[in-house]
Amino acid sequence: MGRADYYAEGDWNAVCSRCGSKFKASMLRRHWQGMYRCTKCWEPRQPQDFVRAIPDIQTPPVVQPEPADIFVALSEGITTEVGSDIYGNFDYILTELSEIINTES
């Protein structure tokens, strides 16, 4: 016979899931993991389990594709490639035909 072995109307014997001691079911508390524990073994849930992170949105607010390059003929055999980078700065690249490059070198 133990301390929980007495008659209590509407109550029954139960065992603590942690220490294994016998208690009346009304003396046990339900743990956050779903098991029943005595008041000595019962512990609250860690508050860090409820922390929710702030979403880190890394996409820029405005996104557009890089514009296509524009080719303009300046004179016979020489073309200029006009293109812009993502900041709107224009780059000018002079391109000569392979015939002119081969004759000069």
N, C-alpha and C. Protein backbone atom coordinates (compact mmCIF):
# COMPACT_ATOMS: atom_id res chain seq x y z
N MET A 1 0.84 -1.17 0.00
CA MET A 1 0.00 0.00 0.00
C MET A 1 0.89 1.24 0.00
N GLY A 2 0.50 2.16 -0.85
CA GLY A 2 1.23 3.43 -0.93
C GLY A 2 0.34 4.59 -0.55
N ARG A 3 0.89 5.80 -0.70
CA ARG A 3 0.12 6.97 -0.30
C ARG A 3 -1.06 7.25 -1.23
N ALA A 4 -1.05 6.72 -2.43
CA ALA A 4 -2.15 6.93 -3.35
C ALA A 4 -3.17 5.80 -3.30
N ASP A 5 -2.93 4.80 -2.47
CA ASP A 5 -3.84 3.66 -2.41
C ASP A 5 -4.94 3.90 -1.37
N TYR A 6 -5.82 4.79 -1.68
CA TYR A 6 -7.01 5.03 -0.86
C TYR A 6 -8.16 5.30 -1.81
N TYR A 7 -9.34 5.19 -1.30
CA TYR A 7 -10.52 5.38 -2.15
C TYR A 7 -10.88 6.86 -2.20
N ALA A 8 -11.03 7.36 -3.43
CA ALA A 8 -11.53 8.70 -3.65
C ALA A 8 -12.56 8.57 -4.76
N GLU A 9 -13.76 8.98 -4.50
CA GLU A 9 -14.84 8.80 -5.46
C GLU A 9 -14.56 9.61 -6.73
N GLY A 10 -14.64 8.95 -7.87
CA GLY A 10 -14.43 9.60 -9.17
C GLY A 10 -12.96 9.81 -9.51
N ASP A 11 -12.04 9.33 -8.71
CA ASP A 11 -10.61 9.48 -8.96
C ASP A 11 -9.97 8.10 -9.11
N TRP A 12 -8.82 8.03 -9.73
CA TRP A 12 -8.15 6.75 -9.93
C TRP A 12 -6.66 6.93 -9.72
N ASN A 13 -5.97 5.84 -9.59
CA ASN A 13 -4.52 5.89 -9.41
C ASN A 13 -3.85 6.12 -10.77
N ALA A 14 -2.77 6.91 -10.75
CA ALA A 14 -2.00 7.19 -11.96
C ALA A 14 -0.53 7.31 -11.57
N VAL A 15 0.33 7.20 -12.55
CA VAL A 15 1.77 7.23 -12.31
C VAL A 15 2.35 8.44 -13.03
N CYS A 16 3.26 9.13 -12.35
CA CYS A 16 3.97 10.27 -12.96
C CYS A 16 4.86 9.74 -14.08
N SER A 17 4.83 10.41 -15.23
CA SER A 17 5.59 9.92 -16.38
C SER A 17 7.09 10.15 -16.23
N ARG A 18 7.51 10.96 -15.28
CA ARG A 18 8.93 11.23 -15.12
C ARG A 18 9.56 10.44 -13.97
N CYS A 19 8.99 10.58 -12.77
CA CYS A 19 9.61 9.91 -11.62
C CYS A 19 9.02 8.52 -11.36
N GLY A 20 7.85 8.22 -11.91
CA GLY A 20 7.27 6.90 -11.75
C GLY A 20 6.53 6.69 -10.44
N SER A 21 6.34 7.74 -9.66
CA SER A 21 5.62 7.62 -8.39
C SER A 21 4.12 7.54 -8.63
N LYS A 22 3.42 6.87 -7.73
CA LYS A 22 1.98 6.69 -7.86
C LYS A 22 1.26 7.83 -7.13
N PHE A 23 0.27 8.43 -7.84
CA PHE A 23 -0.54 9.52 -7.30
C PHE A 23 -1.98 9.29 -7.69
N LYS A 24 -2.87 10.06 -7.14
CA LYS A 24 -4.23 10.12 -7.65
C LYS A 24 -4.21 10.99 -8.90
N ALA A 25 -5.04 10.68 -9.85
CA ALA A 25 -5.04 11.38 -11.14
C ALA A 25 -5.32 12.87 -10.97
N SER A 26 -6.11 13.24 -9.97
CA SER A 26 -6.41 14.66 -9.76
C SER A 26 -5.20 15.44 -9.27
N MET A 27 -4.17 14.77 -8.79
CA MET A 27 -2.96 15.44 -8.31
C MET A 27 -1.94 15.66 -9.43
N LEU A 28 -2.12 15.03 -10.56
CA LEU A 28 -1.18 15.16 -11.67
C LEU A 28 -1.61 16.29 -12.60
N ARG A 29 -0.63 16.90 -13.25
CA ARG A 29 -0.90 17.95 -14.24
C ARG A 29 -0.42 17.48 -15.60
N ARG A 30 -1.14 17.90 -16.62
CA ARG A 30 -0.74 17.51 -17.98
C ARG A 30 0.44 18.38 -18.42
N HIS A 31 1.50 17.71 -18.86
CA HIS A 31 2.71 18.38 -19.33
C HIS A 31 2.51 18.82 -20.77
N TRP A 32 3.32 19.78 -21.26
CA TRP A 32 3.18 20.28 -22.62
C TRP A 32 3.47 19.22 -23.67
N GLN A 33 4.12 18.11 -23.29
CA GLN A 33 4.36 17.01 -24.22
C GLN A 33 3.21 16.01 -24.23
N GLY A 34 2.17 16.27 -23.41
CA GLY A 34 0.99 15.41 -23.41
C GLY A 34 0.97 14.36 -22.31
N MET A 35 2.03 14.25 -21.53
CA MET A 35 2.08 13.27 -20.45
C MET A 35 1.67 13.92 -19.13
N TYR A 36 1.31 13.10 -18.17
CA TYR A 36 0.89 13.62 -16.87
C TYR A 36 2.03 13.49 -15.87
N ARG A 37 2.28 14.57 -15.12
CA ARG A 37 3.39 14.60 -14.17
C ARG A 37 2.94 15.17 -12.84
N CYS A 38 3.68 14.79 -11.79
CA CYS A 38 3.38 15.33 -10.47
C CYS A 38 3.87 16.77 -10.39
N THR A 39 3.52 17.47 -9.31
CA THR A 39 3.88 18.89 -9.20
C THR A 39 5.39 19.08 -9.06
N LYS A 40 6.13 18.11 -8.52
CA LYS A 40 7.59 18.23 -8.41
C LYS A 40 8.26 18.08 -9.78
N CYS A 41 7.73 17.22 -10.62
CA CYS A 41 8.35 16.95 -11.92
C CYS A 41 7.83 17.85 -13.05
N TRP A 42 6.73 18.53 -12.82
CA TRP A 42 6.13 19.35 -13.88
C TRP A 42 6.99 20.58 -14.14
N GLU A 43 7.18 20.92 -15.39
CA GLU A 43 7.95 22.11 -15.76
C GLU A 43 7.24 22.81 -16.90
N PRO A 44 7.28 24.14 -16.94
CA PRO A 44 6.63 24.86 -18.04
C PRO A 44 7.44 24.70 -19.33
N ARG A 45 6.80 24.99 -20.42
CA ARG A 45 7.48 24.90 -21.71
C ARG A 45 8.44 26.07 -21.86
N GLN A 46 9.55 25.84 -22.52
CA GLN A 46 10.56 26.87 -22.74
C GLN A 46 9.98 27.99 -23.59
N PRO A 47 10.06 29.25 -23.13
CA PRO A 47 9.50 30.37 -23.90
C PRO A 47 10.13 30.54 -25.29
N GLN A 48 11.37 30.07 -25.47
CA GLN A 48 12.01 30.19 -26.78
C GLN A 48 11.32 29.32 -27.84
N ASP A 49 10.50 28.36 -27.42
CA ASP A 49 9.75 27.54 -28.38
C ASP A 49 8.69 28.35 -29.09
N PHE A 50 8.30 29.49 -28.52
CA PHE A 50 7.23 30.30 -29.10
C PHE A 50 7.74 31.48 -29.90
N VAL A 51 9.04 31.65 -29.98
CA VAL A 51 9.61 32.78 -30.71
C VAL A 51 9.43 32.57 -32.20
N ARG A 52 8.95 33.58 -32.87
CA ARG A 52 8.80 33.52 -34.33
C ARG A 52 9.73 34.57 -34.94
N ALA A 53 10.49 34.15 -35.91
CA ALA A 53 11.44 35.05 -36.55
C ALA A 53 10.74 36.04 -37.46
N ILE A 54 11.36 37.19 -37.61
CA ILE A 54 10.85 38.19 -38.55
C ILE A 54 11.29 37.75 -39.94
N PRO A 55 10.38 37.70 -40.92
CA PRO A 55 10.79 37.26 -42.25
C PRO A 55 11.81 38.21 -42.86
N ASP A 56 12.85 37.65 -43.43
CA ASP A 56 13.92 38.42 -44.05
C ASP A 56 13.70 38.41 -45.56
N ILE A 57 13.07 39.46 -46.07
CA ILE A 57 12.78 39.55 -47.50
C ILE A 57 14.01 40.16 -48.18
N GLN A 58 14.68 39.37 -49.02
CA GLN A 58 15.92 39.82 -49.64
C GLN A 58 15.75 40.25 -51.09
N THR A 59 14.56 40.18 -51.61
CA THR A 59 14.37 40.59 -52.99
C THR A 59 14.23 42.11 -53.05
N PRO A 60 14.83 42.75 -54.06
CA PRO A 60 14.69 44.20 -54.17
C PRO A 60 13.25 44.57 -54.54
N PRO A 61 12.82 45.78 -54.18
CA PRO A 61 11.43 46.15 -54.44
C PRO A 61 11.09 46.28 -55.93
N VAL A 62 12.07 46.69 -56.75
CA VAL A 62 11.81 46.85 -58.19
C VAL A 62 12.84 46.02 -58.95
N VAL A 63 12.36 45.16 -59.84
CA VAL A 63 13.25 44.32 -60.63
C VAL A 63 12.83 44.43 -62.08
N GLN A 64 13.81 44.66 -62.97
CA GLN A 64 13.52 44.69 -64.40
C GLN A 64 14.72 44.13 -65.14
N PRO A 65 14.50 43.55 -66.30
CA PRO A 65 15.63 42.97 -67.05
C PRO A 65 16.53 44.06 -67.63
N GLU A 66 17.78 43.69 -67.91
CA GLU A 66 18.72 44.62 -68.52
C GLU A 66 18.27 44.88 -69.96
N PRO A 67 18.27 46.15 -70.39
CA PRO A 67 17.82 46.44 -71.76
C PRO A 67 18.78 45.85 -72.80
N ALA A 68 18.25 45.59 -73.96
CA ALA A 68 19.05 45.01 -75.04
C ALA A 68 20.03 46.05 -75.58
N ASP A 69 21.16 45.58 -76.10
CA ASP A 69 22.16 46.47 -76.68
C ASP A 69 21.65 47.05 -78.00
N ILE A 70 22.06 48.29 -78.28
CA ILE A 70 21.66 48.99 -79.51
C ILE A 70 22.92 49.19 -80.35
N PHE A 71 22.87 48.79 -81.62
CA PHE A 71 24.01 48.94 -82.51
C PHE A 71 23.70 50.06 -83.50
N VAL A 72 24.63 51.03 -83.59
CA VAL A 72 24.45 52.19 -84.47
C VAL A 72 25.64 52.22 -85.44
N ALA A 73 25.37 52.37 -86.75
CA ALA A 73 26.44 52.45 -87.74
C ALA A 73 26.93 53.89 -87.83
N LEU A 74 28.24 54.12 -87.56
CA LEU A 74 28.81 55.46 -87.63
C LEU A 74 29.34 55.75 -89.03
N SER A 75 30.10 54.85 -89.54
CA SER A 75 30.60 54.98 -90.91
C SER A 75 30.81 53.58 -91.44
N GLU A 76 31.24 53.47 -92.66
CA GLU A 76 31.37 52.16 -93.26
C GLU A 76 32.44 51.35 -92.54
N GLY A 77 32.07 50.18 -92.03
CA GLY A 77 33.01 49.28 -91.40
C GLY A 77 33.16 49.47 -89.91
N ILE A 78 32.65 50.54 -89.32
CA ILE A 78 32.78 50.78 -87.89
C ILE A 78 31.37 50.89 -87.29
N THR A 79 31.11 50.12 -86.26
CA THR A 79 29.82 50.21 -85.58
C THR A 79 30.07 50.54 -84.11
N THR A 80 29.08 51.11 -83.49
CA THR A 80 29.17 51.42 -82.06
C THR A 80 28.10 50.63 -81.33
N GLU A 81 28.52 49.96 -80.28
CA GLU A 81 27.57 49.22 -79.45
C GLU A 81 27.25 50.09 -78.25
N VAL A 82 25.99 50.40 -78.10
CA VAL A 82 25.55 51.23 -76.98
C VAL A 82 24.75 50.35 -76.05
N GLY A 83 25.18 50.27 -74.82
CA GLY A 83 24.46 49.47 -73.83
C GLY A 83 24.48 50.20 -72.50
N SER A 84 23.54 49.90 -71.65
CA SER A 84 23.53 50.55 -70.34
C SER A 84 23.61 49.48 -69.26
N ASP A 85 24.24 49.86 -68.16
CA ASP A 85 24.31 48.92 -67.05
C ASP A 85 23.09 49.12 -66.15
N ILE A 86 23.08 48.47 -65.01
CA ILE A 86 21.89 48.51 -64.16
C ILE A 86 21.67 49.87 -63.52
N TYR A 87 22.70 50.74 -63.53
CA TYR A 87 22.55 52.07 -62.94
C TYR A 87 22.17 53.14 -63.95
N GLY A 88 22.03 52.77 -65.23
CA GLY A 88 21.66 53.72 -66.26
C GLY A 88 22.86 54.38 -66.93
N ASN A 89 24.08 53.97 -66.60
CA ASN A 89 25.27 54.52 -67.24
C ASN A 89 25.46 53.85 -68.59
N PHE A 90 25.76 54.63 -69.60
CA PHE A 90 25.90 54.08 -70.95
C PHE A 90 27.36 53.80 -71.24
N ASP A 91 27.61 52.64 -71.85
CA ASP A 91 28.94 52.25 -72.28
C ASP A 91 28.97 52.28 -73.80
N TYR A 92 30.01 52.89 -74.34
CA TYR A 92 30.17 52.95 -75.79
C TYR A 92 31.38 52.10 -76.16
N ILE A 93 31.19 51.14 -77.05
CA ILE A 93 32.27 50.24 -77.46
C ILE A 93 32.37 50.32 -78.97
N LEU A 94 33.54 50.71 -79.47
CA LEU A 94 33.76 50.78 -80.91
C LEU A 94 34.21 49.42 -81.40
N THR A 95 33.57 48.94 -82.45
CA THR A 95 33.90 47.64 -83.01
C THR A 95 34.19 47.83 -84.49
N GLU A 96 35.34 47.39 -84.91
CA GLU A 96 35.70 47.49 -86.33
C GLU A 96 35.53 46.14 -86.98
N LEU A 97 35.36 46.18 -88.29
CA LEU A 97 35.27 44.93 -89.04
C LEU A 97 36.61 44.22 -89.04
N SER A 98 36.59 42.93 -89.17
CA SER A 98 37.84 42.17 -89.13
C SER A 98 38.77 42.52 -90.28
N GLU A 99 38.25 43.01 -91.39
CA GLU A 99 39.11 43.40 -92.54
C GLU A 99 39.99 44.58 -92.17
N ILE A 100 39.41 45.56 -91.47
CA ILE A 100 40.18 46.76 -91.11
C ILE A 100 41.22 46.39 -90.06
N ILE A 101 40.89 45.54 -89.12
CA ILE A 101 41.83 45.14 -88.08
C ILE A 101 42.98 44.35 -88.69
N ASN A 102 42.67 43.46 -89.61
CA ASN A 102 43.72 42.64 -90.23
C ASN A 102 44.66 43.48 -91.11
N THR A 103 44.15 44.50 -91.76
CA THR A 103 45.01 45.29 -92.66
C THR A 103 45.93 46.21 -91.88
N GLU A 104 45.52 46.67 -90.69
CA GLU A 104 46.36 47.58 -89.91
C GLU A 104 47.44 46.82 -89.17
N SER A 105 47.23 45.59 -88.78
CA SER A 105 48.22 44.91 -87.96
C SER A 105 49.18 44.08 -88.78
